[in-house]
C-alpha atoms as a PDB file:
ATOM      1  CA  MET A   1      73.981  36.132  -1.888  1.00  0.00           C
ATOM      2  CA  PRO A   2      70.077  36.725  -0.741  1.00  0.00           C
ATOM      3  CA  CYS A   3      68.675  34.143   1.837  1.00  0.00           C
ATOM      4  CA  GLN A   4      66.909  30.814  -0.059  1.00  0.00           C
ATOM      5  CA  LEU A   5      64.193  30.700   2.342  1.00  0.00           C
ATOM      6  CA  CYS A   6      62.939  34.035   2.309  1.00  0.00           C
ATOM      7  CA  ASP A   7      65.090  36.264  -0.807  1.00  0.00           C
ATOM      8  CA  ARG A   8      66.543  39.008   1.437  1.00  0.00           C
ATOM      9  CA  ALA A   9      69.801  39.298   0.388  1.00  0.00           C
ATOM     10  CA  VAL A  10      71.676  40.137   4.038  1.00  0.00           C
ATOM     11  CA  ALA A  11      75.445  39.445   4.485  1.00  0.00           C
ATOM     12  CA  ASP A  12      75.744  37.163   6.507  1.00  0.00           C
ATOM     13  CA  LEU A  13      74.140  34.019   5.600  1.00  0.00           C
ATOM     14  CA  THR A  14      73.558  30.280   7.850  1.00  0.00           C
ATOM     15  CA  GLU A  15      74.034  26.985   6.657  1.00  0.00           C
ATOM     16  CA  HIS A  16      71.226  25.013   7.634  1.00  0.00           C
ATOM     17  CA  HIS A  17      70.664  20.793   7.028  1.00  0.00           C
ATOM     18  CA  LEU A  18      67.804  19.168   5.016  1.00  0.00           C
ATOM     19  CA  ILE A  19      67.962  16.263   6.794  1.00  0.00           C
ATOM     20  CA  PRO A  20      69.358  17.767  10.510  1.00  0.00           C
ATOM     21  CA  LYS A  21      73.281  16.216  11.382  1.00  0.00           C
ATOM     22  CA  GLN A  22      71.745  14.776  15.224  1.00  0.00           C
ATOM     23  CA  TYR A  23      70.030  12.522  12.885  1.00  0.00           C
ATOM     24  CA  THR A  24      72.279  11.118  10.303  1.00  0.00           C
ATOM     25  CA  LYS A  25      75.034  11.330  12.808  1.00  0.00           C
ATOM     26  CA  ARG A  26      73.133   8.695  14.609  1.00  0.00           C
ATOM     27  CA  ARG A  27      72.491   6.205  11.381  1.00  0.00           C
ATOM     28  CA  ASN A  28      75.974   6.822  10.842  1.00  0.00           C
ATOM     29  CA  GLN A  29      74.777   8.585   6.896  1.00  0.00           C
ATOM     30  CA  GLU A  30      76.557  11.569   5.533  1.00  0.00           C
ATOM     31  CA  PRO A  31      75.510  14.760   6.351  1.00  0.00           C
ATOM     32  CA  GLY A  32      73.643  15.811   3.159  1.00  0.00           C
ATOM     33  CA  ALA A  33      72.028  18.778   1.348  1.00  0.00           C
ATOM     34  CA  THR A  34      72.533  22.151   3.207  1.00  0.00           C
ATOM     35  CA  VAL A  35      71.037  25.997   2.288  1.00  0.00           C
ATOM     36  CA  LEU A  36      72.092  28.903   2.848  1.00  0.00           C
ATOM     37  CA  LEU A  37      69.393  30.675   5.712  1.00  0.00           C
ATOM     38  CA  CYS A  38      69.443  34.042   6.892  1.00  0.00           C
ATOM     39  CA  HIS A  39      69.345  33.967  10.793  1.00  0.00           C
ATOM     40  CA  PRO A  40      65.787  34.665  11.715  1.00  0.00           C
ATOM     41  CA  CYS A  41      64.974  32.602   8.988  1.00  0.00           C
ATOM     42  CA  HIS A  42      67.598  29.439   9.979  1.00  0.00           C
ATOM     43  CA  LYS A  43      66.252  30.122  14.020  1.00  0.00           C
ATOM     44  CA  GLN A  44      62.021  30.131  13.389  1.00  0.00           C
ATOM     45  CA  ILE A  45      62.696  26.864  11.503  1.00  0.00           C
ATOM     46  CA  HIS A  46      64.722  25.176  14.159  1.00  0.00           C
ATOM     47  CA  THR A  47      61.203  26.846  17.208  1.00  0.00           C
ATOM     48  CA  LEU A  48      58.672  25.589  15.313  1.00  0.00           C
ATOM     49  CA  PHE A  49      59.702  21.838  14.523  1.00  0.00           C
ATOM     50  CA  ASP A  50      61.645  19.295  16.220  1.00  0.00           C
ATOM     51  CA  ASN A  51      64.279  17.053  13.826  1.00  0.00           C
ATOM     52  CA  GLN A  52      62.613  14.649  13.454  1.00  0.00           C
ATOM     53  CA  ARG A  53      59.653  16.864  10.964  1.00  0.00           C
ATOM     54  CA  LEU A  54      62.916  18.353   9.618  1.00  0.00           C
ATOM     55  CA  ALA A  55      63.865  15.056   9.286  1.00  0.00           C
ATOM     56  CA  ARG A  56      61.045  12.965   7.676  1.00  0.00           C
ATOM     57  CA  GLU A  57      58.598  15.364   6.255  1.00  0.00           C
ATOM     58  CA  LEU A  58      60.814  18.942   5.699  1.00  0.00           C
ATOM     59  CA  ASN A  59      64.121  16.963   4.046  1.00  0.00           C
ATOM     60  CA  THR A  60      63.620  20.139   1.128  1.00  0.00           C
ATOM     61  CA  LEU A  61      63.505  23.636   0.842  1.00  0.00           C
ATOM     62  CA  GLU A  62      60.473  23.095  -1.542  1.00  0.00           C
ATOM     63  CA  GLN A  63      58.466  21.301   1.687  1.00  0.00           C
ATOM     64  CA  LEU A  64      60.161  23.847   3.914  1.00  0.00           C
ATOM     65  CA  GLN A  65      57.785  26.899   1.617  1.00  0.00           C
ATOM     66  CA  ALA A  66      54.959  25.301   1.369  1.00  0.00           C
ATOM     67  CA  GLU A  67      54.549  24.772   5.481  1.00  0.00           C
ATOM     68  CA  PRO A  68      51.931  26.207   5.877  1.00  0.00           C
ATOM     69  CA  GLN A  69      52.920  28.137  10.033  1.00  0.00           C
ATOM     70  CA  LEU A  70      56.788  29.259   8.390  1.00  0.00           C
ATOM     71  CA  GLN A  71      54.241  30.844   5.421  1.00  0.00           C
ATOM     72  CA  LYS A  72      52.995  33.402   7.770  1.00  0.00           C
ATOM     73  CA  PHE A  73      56.577  33.949   8.572  1.00  0.00           C
ATOM     74  CA  LEU A  74      57.652  34.613   6.156  1.00  0.00           C
ATOM     75  CA  GLY A  75      55.312  36.799   4.183  1.00  0.00           C
ATOM     76  CA  TRP A  76      56.383  38.903   7.517  1.00  0.00           C
ATOM     77  CA  ILE A  77      60.042  39.118   8.460  1.00  0.00           C
ATOM     78  CA  ARG A  78      60.484  39.695   3.596  1.00  0.00           C
ATOM     79  CA  LYS A  79      58.765  43.447   4.646  1.00  0.00           C
ATOM     80  CA  GLN A  80      61.805  43.166   7.512  1.00  0.00           C
ATOM     81  CA  ARG A  81      65.148  45.816   7.888  1.00  0.00           C
ATOM     82  CA  LEU A  82      67.565  43.635   7.375  1.00  0.00           C
ATOM     83  CA  ASP A  83      69.061  45.327  10.490  1.00  0.00           C
ATOM     84  CA  LYS A  84      66.135  44.488  12.738  1.00  0.00           C
ATOM     85  CA  ARG A  85      66.297  41.945  14.939  1.00  0.00           C
ATOM     86  CA  VAL A  86      63.882  39.439  14.920  1.00  0.00           C
ATOM     87  CA  ARG A  87      62.100  36.935  17.940  1.00  0.00           C
ATOM     88  CA  SER A  88      61.025  33.413  17.302  1.00  0.00           C
ATOM     89  CA  TYR A  89      57.712  32.424  18.669  1.00  0.00           C
ATOM     90  CA  ARG A  90      56.112  29.098  18.837  1.00  0.00           C
END
Protein backbone atom coordinates (compact mmCIF):
# COMPACT_ATOMS: atom_id res chain seq x y z
CA MET A 1 0.00 0.00 0.00
CA PRO A 2 1.40 3.43 -0.87
CA CYS A 3 1.75 6.39 1.48
CA GLN A 4 -1.55 8.26 1.35
CA LEU A 5 0.23 11.61 1.19
CA CYS A 6 3.12 11.17 -1.26
CA ASP A 7 1.86 8.01 -3.06
CA ARG A 8 5.25 6.27 -2.77
CA ALA A 9 5.03 2.50 -2.39
CA VAL A 10 7.03 2.00 0.81
CA ALA A 11 6.93 -1.17 2.88
CA ASP A 12 6.68 0.41 6.33
CA LEU A 13 3.83 2.84 6.93
CA THR A 14 2.86 4.65 10.12
CA GLU A 15 -0.59 5.60 11.34
CA HIS A 16 -1.21 9.37 11.52
CA HIS A 17 -4.20 10.59 13.52
CA LEU A 18 -5.82 13.41 11.56
CA ILE A 19 -6.88 14.97 14.86
CA PRO A 20 -3.92 14.44 17.23
CA LYS A 21 -4.53 11.96 20.07
CA GLN A 22 -3.25 14.54 22.56
CA TYR A 23 -6.05 16.88 21.45
CA THR A 24 -8.86 14.28 21.62
CA LYS A 25 -7.65 12.63 24.82
CA ARG A 26 -7.77 15.93 26.69
CA ARG A 27 -11.41 16.35 25.66
CA ASN A 28 -12.37 12.70 26.35
CA GLN A 29 -13.21 12.15 22.67
CA GLU A 30 -12.63 9.13 20.45
CA PRO A 31 -9.28 9.29 18.58
CA GLY A 32 -10.93 9.70 15.17
CA ALA A 33 -9.79 8.97 11.63
CA THR A 34 -6.27 7.97 10.66
CA VAL A 35 -4.24 7.78 7.44
CA LEU A 36 -1.22 5.61 6.60
CA LEU A 37 1.94 7.59 5.89
CA CYS A 38 5.58 6.84 5.22
CA HIS A 39 8.03 7.90 7.93
CA PRO A 40 9.36 10.99 6.09
CA CYS A 41 5.87 12.40 5.44
CA HIS A 42 4.72 11.72 9.00
CA LYS A 43 7.85 13.28 10.46
CA GLN A 44 7.60 16.34 8.21
CA ILE A 45 3.99 16.99 9.22
CA HIS A 46 4.92 17.06 12.90
CA THR A 47 8.00 19.17 12.20
CA LEU A 48 6.05 21.84 10.34
CA PHE A 49 2.81 22.01 12.31
CA ASP A 50 1.86 21.95 15.98
CA ASN A 51 -0.99 19.78 17.25
CA GLN A 52 -3.39 22.72 17.59
CA ARG A 53 -3.04 23.65 13.93
CA LEU A 54 -3.33 20.01 12.88
CA ALA A 55 -6.53 19.62 14.91
CA ARG A 56 -8.17 22.85 13.76
CA GLU A 57 -7.03 23.47 10.19
CA LEU A 58 -5.30 20.37 8.80
CA ASN A 59 -7.56 17.54 9.96
CA THR A 60 -8.25 15.91 6.60
CA LEU A 61 -5.97 14.33 4.02
CA GLU A 62 -7.14 16.87 1.44
CA GLN A 63 -6.23 19.82 3.70
CA LEU A 64 -2.78 18.36 4.32
CA GLN A 65 -2.19 17.82 0.59
CA ALA A 66 -3.29 21.40 -0.17
CA GLU A 67 -1.03 23.02 2.46
CA PRO A 68 1.66 25.04 0.58
CA GLN A 69 4.46 24.22 3.05
CA LEU A 70 3.78 20.51 2.65
CA GLN A 71 3.32 20.65 -1.14
CA LYS A 72 6.93 21.72 -1.57
CA PHE A 73 8.11 18.76 0.50
CA LEU A 74 5.81 16.33 -1.33
CA GLY A 75 7.14 17.45 -4.70
CA TRP A 76 10.67 16.76 -3.48
CA ILE A 77 10.05 13.46 -1.63
CA ARG A 78 8.28 11.88 -4.62
CA LYS A 79 11.58 12.10 -6.55
CA GLN A 80 13.66 10.41 -3.83
CA ARG A 81 14.74 6.77 -3.61
CA LEU A 82 12.63 4.74 -1.20
CA ASP A 83 15.65 3.84 0.95
CA LYS A 84 16.93 7.43 1.28
CA ARG A 85 17.20 8.74 4.84
CA VAL A 86 15.30 12.00 5.02
CA ARG A 87 15.89 14.81 7.51
CA SER A 88 13.07 17.14 8.52
CA TYR A 89 13.50 20.90 8.26
CA ARG A 90 11.13 23.72 9.08
